[in-house]
Structure formats: C-alpha cells, structure tokens
N, C-alpha and C. Protein backbone atom coordinates (compact mmCIF):
# COMPACT_ATOMS: atom_id res chain seq x y z
N MET A 1 -18.27 -12.72 -3.48
CA MET A 1 -18.48 -11.86 -2.20
C MET A 1 -17.18 -12.15 -1.43
N PHE A 2 -17.11 -13.47 -1.35
CA PHE A 2 -15.92 -13.86 -0.16
C PHE A 2 -14.50 -13.33 -0.95
N SER A 3 -14.48 -13.55 -2.17
CA SER A 3 -13.07 -13.17 -2.77
C SER A 3 -12.90 -11.72 -2.58
N PHE A 4 -13.88 -10.78 -2.82
CA PHE A 4 -13.76 -9.49 -2.62
C PHE A 4 -13.38 -9.12 -0.99
N LEU A 5 -13.93 -9.81 -0.13
CA LEU A 5 -13.50 -9.75 1.30
C LEU A 5 -12.15 -9.96 1.61
N TRP A 6 -11.59 -11.04 1.08
CA TRP A 6 -10.08 -11.47 0.99
C TRP A 6 -9.47 -10.25 0.32
N PHE A 7 -9.76 -9.93 -0.80
CA PHE A 7 -9.07 -8.53 -1.46
C PHE A 7 -8.77 -7.49 -0.48
N LEU A 8 -9.98 -7.20 0.03
CA LEU A 8 -9.82 -6.06 1.04
C LEU A 8 -8.89 -6.34 2.52
N ILE A 9 -8.88 -7.43 2.78
CA ILE A 9 -8.21 -7.90 3.91
C ILE A 9 -6.70 -8.00 3.61
N ILE A 10 -6.45 -8.33 2.67
CA ILE A 10 -5.05 -8.69 2.12
C ILE A 10 -4.60 -7.10 1.88
N GLY A 11 -5.35 -6.43 1.08
CA GLY A 11 -5.00 -5.15 0.60
C GLY A 11 -4.65 -4.20 1.94
N GLY A 12 -5.53 -4.33 3.01
CA GLY A 12 -5.21 -3.70 4.36
C GLY A 12 -3.87 -4.07 5.08
N ILE A 13 -3.74 -5.63 5.06
CA ILE A 13 -2.51 -6.02 5.64
C ILE A 13 -1.20 -5.40 4.91
N LEU A 14 -1.25 -5.53 3.55
CA LEU A 14 -0.24 -5.06 2.76
C LEU A 14 0.10 -3.47 3.29
N GLY A 15 -1.04 -2.86 3.15
CA GLY A 15 -0.68 -1.34 3.65
C GLY A 15 -0.18 -1.18 4.90
N TRP A 16 -0.67 -1.82 5.89
CA TRP A 16 -0.12 -1.72 7.30
C TRP A 16 1.16 -2.26 7.52
N LEU A 17 1.81 -3.42 6.65
CA LEU A 17 2.99 -3.73 6.62
C LEU A 17 3.77 -2.81 6.11
N ALA A 18 3.48 -2.13 5.10
CA ALA A 18 4.27 -1.11 4.21
C ALA A 18 4.54 -0.09 5.08
N GLY A 19 3.50 0.40 5.89
CA GLY A 19 3.31 1.65 7.00
C GLY A 19 4.54 1.15 7.98
N LEU A 20 4.48 -0.13 8.57
CA LEU A 20 5.37 -0.60 9.49
C LEU A 20 6.85 -0.46 9.25
N ILE A 21 6.98 -1.07 7.90
CA ILE A 21 8.59 -1.04 7.41
C ILE A 21 8.95 0.32 7.36
N LEU A 22 8.03 1.29 6.87
CA LEU A 22 8.69 2.69 6.60
C LEU A 22 8.79 3.40 8.06
N GLY A 23 7.86 3.06 8.80
CA GLY A 23 7.72 3.72 10.13
C GLY A 23 7.00 4.92 10.03
N LYS A 24 6.06 5.01 9.15
CA LYS A 24 5.07 6.12 8.84
C LYS A 24 3.93 5.73 8.93
N ASP A 25 2.92 6.71 9.58
CA ASP A 25 1.35 6.46 9.76
C ASP A 25 0.91 6.85 8.26
N ILE A 26 -0.18 5.98 7.98
CA ILE A 26 -0.75 6.21 6.81
C ILE A 26 -2.22 7.03 7.13
N PRO A 27 -2.32 8.06 6.44
CA PRO A 27 -3.65 8.70 6.69
C PRO A 27 -4.98 7.96 6.35
N GLY A 28 -5.85 8.26 7.22
CA GLY A 28 -6.94 7.43 7.03
C GLY A 28 -7.17 6.07 7.79
N GLY A 29 -6.36 5.66 8.67
CA GLY A 29 -6.43 4.56 9.39
C GLY A 29 -6.52 3.20 8.62
N ILE A 30 -7.67 2.49 8.95
CA ILE A 30 -7.67 1.05 8.20
C ILE A 30 -8.08 1.36 6.60
N ILE A 31 -9.02 2.44 6.44
CA ILE A 31 -9.36 2.62 5.09
C ILE A 31 -7.94 3.22 4.15
N GLY A 32 -7.18 3.70 4.88
CA GLY A 32 -5.92 4.14 4.21
C GLY A 32 -4.99 3.08 4.14
N ASN A 33 -4.95 2.18 4.87
CA ASN A 33 -4.26 1.04 4.79
C ASN A 33 -4.82 0.17 3.43
N ILE A 34 -6.09 -0.17 3.54
CA ILE A 34 -6.72 -0.70 2.38
C ILE A 34 -6.44 -0.26 1.14
N ILE A 35 -6.54 1.16 0.91
CA ILE A 35 -6.34 1.72 -0.27
C ILE A 35 -4.78 1.73 -0.63
N ALA A 36 -3.88 2.17 0.55
CA ALA A 36 -2.64 1.76 0.04
C ALA A 36 -2.07 0.46 -0.39
N GLY A 37 -2.48 -0.61 0.30
CA GLY A 37 -2.28 -1.89 -0.17
C GLY A 37 -2.75 -2.04 -1.60
N ILE A 38 -4.01 -1.79 -1.90
CA ILE A 38 -4.60 -2.11 -3.29
C ILE A 38 -4.03 -1.27 -4.38
N VAL A 39 -3.97 0.00 -4.15
CA VAL A 39 -3.04 0.82 -5.05
C VAL A 39 -1.73 0.51 -5.15
N GLY A 40 -0.95 0.27 -4.06
CA GLY A 40 0.24 -0.19 -3.94
C GLY A 40 0.51 -1.49 -4.89
N SER A 41 -0.37 -2.54 -4.59
CA SER A 41 -0.16 -3.66 -5.47
C SER A 41 -0.42 -3.56 -7.05
N TRP A 42 -1.18 -2.50 -7.37
CA TRP A 42 -1.22 -2.26 -8.76
C TRP A 42 -0.05 -1.55 -9.37
N LEU A 43 0.50 -0.63 -8.47
CA LEU A 43 1.61 0.03 -8.92
C LEU A 43 2.93 -1.11 -8.98
N GLY A 44 2.88 -1.91 -7.90
CA GLY A 44 4.08 -2.79 -7.86
C GLY A 44 3.89 -3.99 -9.00
N GLY A 45 2.86 -4.23 -9.35
CA GLY A 45 2.52 -5.12 -10.51
C GLY A 45 2.87 -4.64 -11.72
N THR A 46 2.41 -3.28 -11.93
CA THR A 46 2.80 -2.45 -13.13
C THR A 46 4.35 -2.31 -13.38
N LEU A 47 5.02 -1.85 -12.10
CA LEU A 47 6.52 -1.69 -12.38
C LEU A 47 7.16 -2.92 -12.37
N LEU A 48 6.91 -4.04 -11.68
CA LEU A 48 7.70 -5.02 -11.28
C LEU A 48 7.29 -6.36 -11.78
N GLY A 49 5.95 -6.45 -12.24
CA GLY A 49 5.42 -7.68 -13.02
C GLY A 49 4.82 -8.31 -11.90
N ALA A 50 4.42 -9.52 -12.29
CA ALA A 50 3.74 -10.65 -11.60
C ALA A 50 4.67 -11.77 -11.12
N TRP A 51 5.17 -11.70 -9.92
CA TRP A 51 6.14 -12.77 -9.51
C TRP A 51 6.05 -13.10 -7.99
N GLY A 52 6.48 -13.99 -7.52
CA GLY A 52 6.46 -14.33 -6.08
C GLY A 52 5.17 -15.03 -5.73
N PRO A 53 5.10 -15.16 -4.46
CA PRO A 53 3.94 -15.85 -4.02
C PRO A 53 2.55 -15.06 -4.07
N LYS A 54 1.35 -15.64 -4.52
CA LYS A 54 0.19 -14.92 -4.86
C LYS A 54 -0.90 -15.46 -3.84
N VAL A 55 -1.60 -14.35 -3.33
CA VAL A 55 -2.66 -14.54 -2.36
C VAL A 55 -3.61 -13.49 -2.81
N SER A 56 -4.84 -14.20 -3.08
CA SER A 56 -5.97 -13.59 -3.33
C SER A 56 -5.88 -12.38 -4.51
N ASP A 57 -5.39 -12.72 -5.59
CA ASP A 57 -5.10 -11.70 -6.56
C ASP A 57 -3.87 -10.94 -6.44
N PHE A 58 -3.19 -10.96 -5.17
CA PHE A 58 -2.10 -10.06 -5.02
C PHE A 58 -0.82 -11.04 -5.12
N TYR A 59 0.15 -10.26 -5.88
CA TYR A 59 1.57 -10.84 -5.81
C TYR A 59 2.30 -10.33 -4.81
N ILE A 60 2.47 -10.98 -3.72
CA ILE A 60 2.97 -10.44 -2.18
C ILE A 60 4.22 -9.52 -2.42
N VAL A 61 5.21 -9.97 -2.96
CA VAL A 61 6.51 -9.33 -3.20
C VAL A 61 6.31 -7.76 -3.92
N PRO A 62 5.70 -7.82 -5.03
CA PRO A 62 5.83 -6.62 -5.85
C PRO A 62 4.81 -5.58 -5.28
N ALA A 63 3.64 -6.28 -4.76
CA ALA A 63 2.51 -5.40 -4.00
C ALA A 63 2.98 -4.82 -2.74
N LEU A 64 3.94 -5.43 -2.07
CA LEU A 64 4.67 -4.87 -0.95
C LEU A 64 5.40 -3.79 -1.32
N ILE A 65 6.21 -4.19 -2.29
CA ILE A 65 7.11 -3.06 -2.54
C ILE A 65 6.31 -1.79 -3.11
N GLY A 66 5.50 -2.00 -3.89
CA GLY A 66 4.46 -0.96 -4.46
C GLY A 66 3.91 -0.23 -3.43
N ALA A 67 3.49 -0.96 -2.20
CA ALA A 67 2.89 0.03 -1.30
C ALA A 67 3.76 0.52 -0.64
N ILE A 68 4.87 0.11 -0.28
CA ILE A 68 6.32 1.04 0.41
C ILE A 68 6.33 2.22 -0.41
N VAL A 69 6.46 2.07 -1.81
CA VAL A 69 6.88 3.10 -2.62
C VAL A 69 5.58 4.31 -2.59
N LEU A 70 4.41 3.79 -2.79
CA LEU A 70 3.32 4.72 -2.69
C LEU A 70 3.29 5.49 -1.19
N ILE A 71 3.57 4.90 0.00
CA ILE A 71 3.32 5.41 1.15
C ILE A 71 4.46 6.33 1.34
N PHE A 72 5.61 5.99 0.99
CA PHE A 72 6.82 6.85 0.98
C PHE A 72 6.67 8.25 0.03
N ILE A 73 5.99 8.05 -1.06
CA ILE A 73 5.85 9.19 -1.91
C ILE A 73 4.48 10.06 -1.35
N VAL A 74 3.53 9.51 -0.85
CA VAL A 74 2.51 9.99 -0.21
C VAL A 74 2.87 10.81 1.11
N SER A 75 3.70 10.29 1.83
CA SER A 75 4.41 10.94 3.13
C SER A 75 5.22 12.20 2.70
N LEU A 76 6.18 12.11 1.50
CA LEU A 76 6.70 13.29 1.37
C LEU A 76 5.91 14.45 0.73
N VAL A 77 4.76 14.05 -0.11
CA VAL A 77 3.96 15.19 -0.55
C VAL A 77 3.09 15.65 0.63
N LEU A 78 2.65 15.10 1.69
CA LEU A 78 2.08 15.42 2.83
C LEU A 78 2.90 16.33 3.49
N LYS A 79 4.21 15.88 3.90
CA LYS A 79 5.17 16.81 4.47
C LYS A 79 5.55 17.90 3.71
N ALA A 80 5.45 18.15 2.38
CA ALA A 80 5.78 19.22 1.61
C ALA A 80 4.38 20.24 1.79
N LEU A 81 3.34 19.54 1.69
CA LEU A 81 2.03 20.58 2.01
C LEU A 81 2.04 20.95 3.17
N SER A 82 2.26 20.21 4.32
CA SER A 82 2.08 21.02 5.69
C SER A 82 3.36 22.01 6.09
N GLY A 83 4.45 21.75 5.28
CA GLY A 83 5.55 22.55 5.58
C GLY A 83 5.23 23.98 4.91
N ASN A 84 4.13 24.16 4.01
CA ASN A 84 3.79 25.33 3.35
C ASN A 84 2.84 26.18 4.05
N ARG A 85 2.36 25.63 4.99
CA ARG A 85 1.18 26.29 5.83
C ARG A 85 1.80 27.05 6.75
N ALA A 86 3.08 27.25 7.07
CA ALA A 86 3.52 28.08 8.11
C ALA A 86 3.16 29.28 8.32
C-alpha cells in the first residue's frame, strides 16, 4: 500500500516538473500531473531504457524526459483541437 502511495506521489511530482519545464498547464490538475508522470515514465522507459537514479520504480531521468515529451504532444493535440472550434 505504501509503495503505491509513493508511486502516485513520484508520478505527480514528475508530471508537475515536466509541466514547469515546458511552461504548459497540464489538463486535470493533480490527477493530470499523476497521469502524465506515470504514462511519461512508461514512455521514457520504453524509448530510453532503464538508467539513472531510481525512486519508487521510476528511473528519474527517462521518466522526466518521457513526461516532457508526453505533455508536449498533448499540448499540441489540444491546441490543434481548440483551433478547429472557431
């Protein structure tokens, strides 16, 4: 149970940091941060492998890079969708 809580906390922090680095808001607030961090860590681990410091099943560097890529792609998609509603 406690490891799952750490998993959510670290995922949220990674998503929040990725949003700060890009200067973009993540839709969904805290839940969006957690989802971006967890999905971004999976994406980063898949694309970049497992390396760097590890905290609660997250390899920090690939997870952060994956979250940044994910937030960038989501922001592009949301921008394109909002542009079509004019």
